[in-house]
Amino acid sequence: MSRRRREQAILEITGNGVVHTQSELVEALRDRGIEVTQSTVSRDIKRLGLVKVPTAEGEYRYAPPEIMSDTSPAAEEDLREAFEEFVTEVDTGTAIVAISTPPGSANPVAVAIDDAELSGVVATLAGDDTVFILVREERDRERLLQQFREWLP
């Protein structure tokens, strides 16, 4: 069983159902034929950045992180288009994501990122061909990096 397949299953399970505990998640994975230990699930939860969110019943459940949670559909589409048109590479540092573009194209990408109001983004800085994004936490950097790489043409 590959880690990628297991993590995809975890995101599907937590995104479509109510899972209150790691033990429940282990059982849900086993129901899908994925044998896993609780300690592995614990590491996966941390790596995926799952969050505990309140339910209508006042309990808490695991949920996938949503980097675009407060983003309007139009702003998200503008950001995707800016990536498709201008971005050539995405890289990272401890608290920074670096985005490379052709010369003169960094500003429209930075503006699209700012307009999208992505969760975990503290600030953007655009040069001529590079955008630096300062992120709040390491997990924010990892989520953004993963999402941005998916948008690369």
Protein backbone atom coordinates (compact mmCIF):
# COMPACT_ATOMS: atom_id res chain seq x y z
CA MET A 1 0.00 0.00 0.00
CA SER A 2 1.52 3.29 -1.06
CA ARG A 3 1.50 6.28 1.26
CA ARG A 4 -0.03 8.40 -1.47
CA ARG A 5 -2.98 6.01 -1.91
CA ARG A 6 -3.51 5.79 1.86
CA GLU A 7 -3.40 9.58 2.25
CA GLN A 8 -5.84 10.03 -0.63
CA ALA A 9 -8.20 7.62 1.10
CA ILE A 10 -7.84 9.56 4.36
CA LEU A 11 -8.73 12.81 2.59
CA GLU A 12 -11.76 11.17 0.97
CA ILE A 13 -12.94 9.63 4.24
CA THR A 14 -12.55 12.82 6.28
CA GLY A 15 -13.93 14.99 3.49
CA ASN A 16 -17.08 12.93 2.96
CA GLY A 17 -17.84 11.49 6.39
CA VAL A 18 -17.66 12.16 10.08
CA VAL A 19 -14.58 10.76 11.79
CA HIS A 20 -14.13 11.75 15.43
CA THR A 21 -11.03 9.77 16.40
CA GLN A 22 -7.92 8.23 14.94
CA SER A 23 -9.32 4.80 15.85
CA GLU A 24 -12.42 5.50 13.75
CA LEU A 25 -10.16 6.51 10.88
CA VAL A 26 -8.15 3.28 11.20
CA GLU A 27 -11.43 1.30 11.02
CA ALA A 28 -12.67 3.30 8.00
CA LEU A 29 -9.40 2.59 6.21
CA ARG A 30 -9.65 -1.10 7.07
CA ASP A 31 -13.18 -1.12 5.62
CA ARG A 32 -11.53 -0.02 2.38
CA GLY A 33 -9.00 -2.82 2.60
CA ILE A 34 -6.16 -0.61 3.83
CA GLU A 35 -4.40 -2.15 6.83
CA VAL A 36 -2.77 0.55 8.91
CA THR A 37 -1.75 1.21 12.52
CA GLN A 38 -2.95 4.09 14.64
CA SER A 39 0.59 5.49 14.81
CA THR A 40 0.78 5.59 11.01
CA VAL A 41 -2.59 7.33 10.87
CA SER A 42 -1.33 9.83 13.43
CA ARG A 43 1.67 10.67 11.25
CA ASP A 44 -0.57 10.90 8.17
CA ILE A 45 -2.92 13.30 9.96
CA LYS A 46 0.00 15.57 10.83
CA ARG A 47 1.52 15.39 7.34
CA LEU A 48 -1.85 16.11 5.67
CA GLY A 49 -2.60 18.96 8.07
CA LEU A 50 -6.03 17.58 9.01
CA VAL A 51 -7.89 19.83 11.42
CA LYS A 52 -10.54 19.19 14.05
CA VAL A 53 -13.74 21.09 13.30
CA PRO A 54 -16.94 21.29 15.36
CA THR A 55 -20.02 19.32 14.29
CA ALA A 56 -23.62 20.47 14.65
CA GLU A 57 -23.87 18.14 17.66
CA GLY A 58 -21.09 19.99 19.49
CA GLU A 59 -18.49 17.28 18.95
CA TYR A 60 -15.31 17.53 16.88
CA ARG A 61 -14.37 15.64 13.74
CA TYR A 62 -11.33 15.45 11.48
CA ALA A 63 -11.51 17.46 8.26
CA PRO A 64 -9.10 18.13 5.40
CA PRO A 65 -7.47 21.55 5.39
CA GLU A 66 -8.99 24.00 2.98
CA ILE A 67 -6.46 26.49 1.70
CA MET A 68 -9.18 28.21 -0.30
CA SER A 69 -11.82 28.24 2.48
CA ASP A 70 -12.72 31.94 2.27
CA THR A 71 -11.90 32.40 -1.39
CA SER A 72 -14.54 33.39 -3.87
CA PRO A 73 -14.84 31.14 -6.93
CA ALA A 74 -13.86 34.06 -9.18
CA ALA A 75 -10.69 34.77 -7.20
CA GLU A 76 -9.75 31.10 -7.21
CA GLU A 77 -10.26 30.93 -10.97
CA ASP A 78 -8.13 34.06 -11.47
CA LEU A 79 -5.39 32.47 -9.38
CA ARG A 80 -5.52 29.23 -11.36
CA GLU A 81 -5.36 31.16 -14.62
CA ALA A 82 -2.39 33.21 -13.37
CA PHE A 83 -0.60 29.96 -12.54
CA GLU A 84 -1.37 28.40 -15.89
CA GLU A 85 -0.28 31.48 -17.80
CA PHE A 86 2.73 32.73 -15.84
CA VAL A 87 4.16 30.29 -13.28
CA THR A 88 7.09 28.13 -14.27
CA GLU A 89 8.20 26.71 -10.90
CA VAL A 90 7.31 26.60 -7.20
CA ASP A 91 9.87 26.12 -4.41
CA THR A 92 9.99 26.64 -0.66
CA GLY A 93 12.08 27.68 2.32
CA THR A 94 11.30 27.34 6.04
CA ALA A 95 8.56 29.97 6.05
CA ILE A 96 8.55 31.00 2.39
CA VAL A 97 7.18 29.66 -0.85
CA ALA A 98 9.02 30.93 -3.92
CA ILE A 99 7.25 31.04 -7.27
CA SER A 100 9.19 31.58 -10.49
CA THR A 101 7.66 33.21 -13.55
CA PRO A 102 8.93 34.56 -16.85
CA PRO A 103 10.36 38.10 -16.61
CA GLY A 104 7.69 40.71 -15.92
CA SER A 105 5.04 38.17 -14.83
CA ALA A 106 5.45 37.97 -11.06
CA ASN A 107 3.11 40.85 -10.23
CA PRO A 108 -0.09 39.37 -11.73
CA VAL A 109 0.56 36.12 -9.84
CA ALA A 110 1.12 37.99 -6.55
CA VAL A 111 -2.04 40.03 -7.08
CA ALA A 112 -4.04 36.86 -7.74
CA ILE A 113 -2.63 35.27 -4.57
CA ASP A 114 -3.47 38.38 -2.53
CA ASP A 115 -6.99 38.52 -3.96
CA ALA A 116 -7.55 34.83 -3.18
CA GLU A 117 -6.85 35.48 0.54
CA LEU A 118 -5.35 32.01 0.99
CA SER A 119 -5.35 30.54 4.47
CA GLY A 120 -1.94 30.73 6.13
CA VAL A 121 -0.53 33.42 3.83
CA VAL A 122 0.93 36.35 5.74
CA ALA A 123 2.23 38.39 2.80
CA THR A 124 3.44 38.28 -0.78
CA LEU A 125 6.34 40.09 -2.38
CA ALA A 126 6.69 40.28 -6.16
CA GLY A 127 9.84 41.04 -8.04
CA ASP A 128 10.24 40.86 -11.80
CA ASP A 129 10.20 37.08 -12.16
CA THR A 130 9.72 35.76 -8.61
CA VAL A 131 6.98 35.88 -5.99
CA PHE A 132 7.83 35.20 -2.35
CA ILE A 133 4.98 34.15 -0.10
CA LEU A 134 5.53 34.39 3.64
CA VAL A 135 3.46 31.72 5.39
CA ARG A 136 2.37 31.49 8.98
CA GLU A 137 3.35 27.87 9.70
CA GLU A 138 5.26 25.01 8.10
CA ARG A 139 2.04 23.08 7.43
CA ASP A 140 0.67 26.10 5.53
CA ARG A 141 3.79 26.07 3.37
CA GLU A 142 3.37 22.37 2.62
CA ARG A 143 -0.32 22.72 1.70
CA LEU A 144 0.34 25.70 -0.54
CA LEU A 145 3.32 24.04 -2.18
CA GLN A 146 1.28 20.91 -2.92
CA GLN A 147 -1.64 22.91 -4.33
CA PHE A 148 0.56 25.18 -6.43
CA ARG A 149 2.46 22.24 -7.91
CA GLU A 150 -0.87 20.67 -8.93
CA TRP A 151 -1.69 23.84 -10.86
CA LEU A 152 1.57 23.91 -12.81
CA PRO A 153 1.00 23.31 -16.51
